[in-house]
């Protein structure tokens, strides 16, 4: 059986990294959307802009379940 503290530290580090990546995407997405809108306005064609909504911490609860499953195996 894996060391419980080691698994917990790995999961927490991964969750933090994902939070950082999601926040970076939230910052960049509007910039890309504005760039596409400007290109569409200039007659260069356009594309769909995807809005990334804020998420609740419900995903963290799923991660906890996954963590508990990993620990118990």
N, C-alpha and C. Protein backbone atom coordinates (compact mmCIF):
# COMPACT_ATOMS: atom_id res chain seq x y z
N UNK A 1 0.84 -1.19 0.00
CA UNK A 1 0.00 0.00 0.00
C UNK A 1 0.89 1.25 0.00
N UNK A 2 0.49 2.22 -0.79
CA UNK A 2 1.27 3.45 -0.90
C UNK A 2 1.16 4.27 0.38
N UNK A 3 2.18 5.07 0.60
CA UNK A 3 2.19 5.96 1.74
C UNK A 3 1.08 6.99 1.58
N UNK A 4 0.19 7.05 2.53
CA UNK A 4 -0.98 7.92 2.47
C UNK A 4 -0.58 9.39 2.31
N UNK A 5 0.40 9.84 3.07
CA UNK A 5 0.81 11.25 2.98
C UNK A 5 1.42 11.57 1.62
N UNK A 6 2.16 10.65 1.05
CA UNK A 6 2.76 10.87 -0.27
C UNK A 6 1.68 11.01 -1.33
N UNK A 7 0.70 10.15 -1.29
CA UNK A 7 -0.40 10.21 -2.26
C UNK A 7 -1.17 11.52 -2.09
N UNK A 8 -1.44 11.90 -0.86
CA UNK A 8 -2.16 13.14 -0.60
C UNK A 8 -1.38 14.34 -1.13
N UNK A 9 -0.09 14.40 -0.89
CA UNK A 9 0.74 15.51 -1.38
C UNK A 9 0.73 15.56 -2.90
N UNK A 10 0.79 14.41 -3.55
CA UNK A 10 0.77 14.36 -5.02
C UNK A 10 -0.57 14.87 -5.55
N UNK A 11 -1.65 14.44 -4.94
CA UNK A 11 -2.98 14.87 -5.38
C UNK A 11 -3.17 16.37 -5.17
N UNK A 12 -2.72 16.87 -4.03
CA UNK A 12 -2.87 18.29 -3.75
C UNK A 12 -2.03 19.13 -4.72
N UNK A 13 -0.83 18.66 -5.03
CA UNK A 13 0.03 19.38 -5.97
C UNK A 13 -0.62 19.39 -7.36
N UNK A 14 -1.19 18.28 -7.77
CA UNK A 14 -1.86 18.20 -9.07
C UNK A 14 -3.07 19.12 -9.12
N UNK A 15 -3.84 19.14 -8.03
CA UNK A 15 -5.01 20.02 -7.99
C UNK A 15 -4.59 21.49 -8.07
N UNK A 16 -3.54 21.85 -7.39
CA UNK A 16 -3.07 23.24 -7.44
C UNK A 16 -2.59 23.59 -8.84
N UNK A 17 -1.88 22.68 -9.48
CA UNK A 17 -1.41 22.93 -10.84
C UNK A 17 -2.59 23.11 -11.79
N UNK A 18 -3.62 22.30 -11.65
CA UNK A 18 -4.80 22.45 -12.49
C UNK A 18 -5.51 23.78 -12.24
N UNK A 19 -5.56 24.21 -10.99
CA UNK A 19 -6.17 25.51 -10.69
C UNK A 19 -5.41 26.64 -11.39
N UNK A 20 -4.08 26.56 -11.36
CA UNK A 20 -3.26 27.58 -12.01
C UNK A 20 -3.51 27.57 -13.52
N UNK A 21 -3.56 26.39 -14.11
CA UNK A 21 -3.79 26.29 -15.55
C UNK A 21 -5.17 26.80 -15.94
N UNK A 22 -6.17 26.49 -15.15
CA UNK A 22 -7.53 26.96 -15.43
C UNK A 22 -7.59 28.47 -15.35
N UNK A 23 -6.97 29.04 -14.33
CA UNK A 23 -6.97 30.50 -14.20
C UNK A 23 -6.26 31.14 -15.38
N UNK A 24 -5.16 30.55 -15.83
CA UNK A 24 -4.46 31.08 -16.99
C UNK A 24 -5.35 31.03 -18.23
N UNK A 25 -6.09 29.96 -18.40
CA UNK A 25 -7.01 29.87 -19.54
C UNK A 25 -8.12 30.91 -19.45
N UNK A 26 -8.59 31.18 -18.24
CA UNK A 26 -9.63 32.20 -18.07
C UNK A 26 -9.10 33.59 -18.43
N UNK A 27 -7.83 33.81 -18.20
CA UNK A 27 -7.24 35.11 -18.55
C UNK A 27 -7.05 35.22 -20.05
N UNK A 28 -6.58 34.16 -20.68
CA UNK A 28 -6.23 34.18 -22.09
C UNK A 28 -7.46 34.08 -23.00
N UNK A 29 -8.47 33.36 -22.59
CA UNK A 29 -9.64 33.13 -23.45
C UNK A 29 -10.30 34.43 -23.91
N UNK A 30 -10.53 35.40 -23.03
CA UNK A 30 -11.13 36.65 -23.52
C UNK A 30 -10.23 37.38 -24.51
N UNK A 31 -8.92 37.29 -24.32
CA UNK A 31 -7.99 37.93 -25.25
C UNK A 31 -8.09 37.30 -26.63
N UNK A 32 -8.17 35.99 -26.65
CA UNK A 32 -8.30 35.29 -27.93
C UNK A 32 -9.65 35.60 -28.58
N UNK A 33 -10.68 35.71 -27.76
CA UNK A 33 -12.00 36.05 -28.28
C UNK A 33 -12.01 37.44 -28.89
N UNK A 34 -11.34 38.38 -28.23
CA UNK A 34 -11.27 39.75 -28.74
C UNK A 34 -10.48 39.78 -30.04
N UNK A 35 -9.44 38.98 -30.12
CA UNK A 35 -8.62 38.91 -31.33
C UNK A 35 -9.45 38.34 -32.49
N UNK A 36 -10.23 37.32 -32.22
CA UNK A 36 -11.08 36.73 -33.26
C UNK A 36 -12.16 37.71 -33.70
N UNK A 37 -12.72 38.43 -32.75
CA UNK A 37 -13.76 39.40 -33.08
C UNK A 37 -13.19 40.52 -33.94
N UNK A 38 -11.98 40.96 -33.63
CA UNK A 38 -11.34 42.00 -34.43
C UNK A 38 -11.07 41.50 -35.84
N UNK A 39 -10.64 40.24 -35.95
CA UNK A 39 -10.38 39.67 -37.26
C UNK A 39 -11.67 39.54 -38.06
N UNK A 40 -12.76 39.17 -37.39
CA UNK A 40 -14.05 39.04 -38.06
C UNK A 40 -14.54 40.42 -38.52
N UNK A 41 -14.30 41.44 -37.73
CA UNK A 41 -14.70 42.79 -38.09
C UNK A 41 -13.91 43.32 -39.26
N UNK A 42 -12.69 42.82 -39.43
CA UNK A 42 -11.85 43.27 -40.53
C UNK A 42 -12.12 42.49 -41.81
N UNK A 43 -13.07 41.57 -41.76
CA UNK A 43 -13.42 40.82 -42.95
C UNK A 43 -12.56 39.60 -43.16
N UNK A 44 -11.80 39.21 -42.15
CA UNK A 44 -10.92 38.05 -42.28
C UNK A 44 -11.62 36.76 -41.89
N UNK A 45 -12.91 36.80 -41.78
CA UNK A 45 -13.64 35.61 -41.34
C UNK A 45 -13.70 35.61 -39.83
N UNK A 46 -14.45 34.75 -39.30
CA UNK A 46 -14.57 34.72 -37.85
C UNK A 46 -14.79 33.31 -37.36
N UNK A 47 -14.77 33.20 -36.09
CA UNK A 47 -14.99 31.90 -35.50
C UNK A 47 -15.85 32.04 -34.26
N UNK A 48 -16.18 30.93 -33.71
CA UNK A 48 -16.96 30.96 -32.49
C UNK A 48 -16.04 31.24 -31.32
N UNK A 49 -16.53 32.00 -30.38
CA UNK A 49 -15.79 32.28 -29.16
C UNK A 49 -16.40 31.44 -28.06
N UNK A 50 -15.59 30.70 -27.38
CA UNK A 50 -16.05 29.86 -26.28
C UNK A 50 -15.80 30.58 -24.98
N UNK A 51 -16.84 30.75 -24.21
CA UNK A 51 -16.72 31.37 -22.90
C UNK A 51 -16.53 30.27 -21.87
N UNK A 52 -15.52 30.44 -21.05
CA UNK A 52 -15.23 29.46 -20.01
C UNK A 52 -15.81 29.98 -18.71
N UNK A 53 -16.91 29.39 -18.25
CA UNK A 53 -17.53 29.89 -17.03
C UNK A 53 -16.73 29.47 -15.81
N UNK A 54 -16.90 30.22 -14.74
CA UNK A 54 -16.28 29.83 -13.48
C UNK A 54 -16.94 28.55 -13.02
N UNK A 55 -16.15 27.69 -12.41
CA UNK A 55 -16.69 26.43 -11.94
C UNK A 55 -16.78 26.44 -10.43
N UNK A 56 -17.66 25.63 -9.93
CA UNK A 56 -17.77 25.49 -8.48
C UNK A 56 -16.70 24.53 -8.00
N UNK A 57 -16.63 24.36 -6.75
CA UNK A 57 -15.66 23.44 -6.16
C UNK A 57 -16.19 22.00 -6.17
N UNK A 58 -17.23 21.75 -6.94
CA UNK A 58 -17.77 20.40 -7.04
C UNK A 58 -16.72 19.44 -7.58
N UNK A 59 -15.86 19.93 -8.49
CA UNK A 59 -14.81 19.08 -9.05
C UNK A 59 -13.87 18.60 -7.96
N UNK A 60 -13.62 19.45 -6.95
CA UNK A 60 -12.74 19.06 -5.87
C UNK A 60 -13.32 17.87 -5.10
N UNK A 61 -14.64 17.84 -4.98
CA UNK A 61 -15.26 16.72 -4.28
C UNK A 61 -15.03 15.43 -5.06
N UNK A 62 -15.07 15.52 -6.38
CA UNK A 62 -14.78 14.34 -7.20
C UNK A 62 -13.34 13.92 -7.05
N UNK A 63 -12.44 14.89 -6.95
CA UNK A 63 -11.03 14.57 -6.75
C UNK A 63 -10.82 13.87 -5.41
N UNK A 64 -11.57 14.28 -4.40
CA UNK A 64 -11.46 13.64 -3.10
C UNK A 64 -11.89 12.18 -3.19
N UNK A 65 -12.97 11.93 -3.92
CA UNK A 65 -13.43 10.55 -4.10
C UNK A 65 -12.37 9.73 -4.82
N UNK A 66 -11.78 10.32 -5.85
CA UNK A 66 -10.72 9.63 -6.58
C UNK A 66 -9.53 9.36 -5.67
N UNK A 67 -9.20 10.34 -4.85
CA UNK A 67 -8.10 10.18 -3.92
C UNK A 67 -8.37 9.04 -2.96
N UNK A 68 -9.56 9.02 -2.40
CA UNK A 68 -9.91 7.97 -1.44
C UNK A 68 -9.88 6.59 -2.10
N UNK A 69 -10.30 6.52 -3.34
CA UNK A 69 -10.24 5.25 -4.06
C UNK A 69 -8.80 4.81 -4.27
N UNK A 70 -7.91 5.76 -4.60
CA UNK A 70 -6.50 5.44 -4.78
C UNK A 70 -5.87 4.93 -3.50
N UNK A 71 -6.22 5.56 -2.40
CA UNK A 71 -5.63 5.21 -1.11
C UNK A 71 -6.09 3.83 -0.67
N UNK A 72 -7.35 3.54 -0.91
CA UNK A 72 -7.88 2.27 -0.44
C UNK A 72 -7.41 1.07 -1.27
N UNK A 73 -6.87 1.35 -2.46
CA UNK A 73 -6.41 0.21 -3.29
C UNK A 73 -4.95 -0.10 -3.08
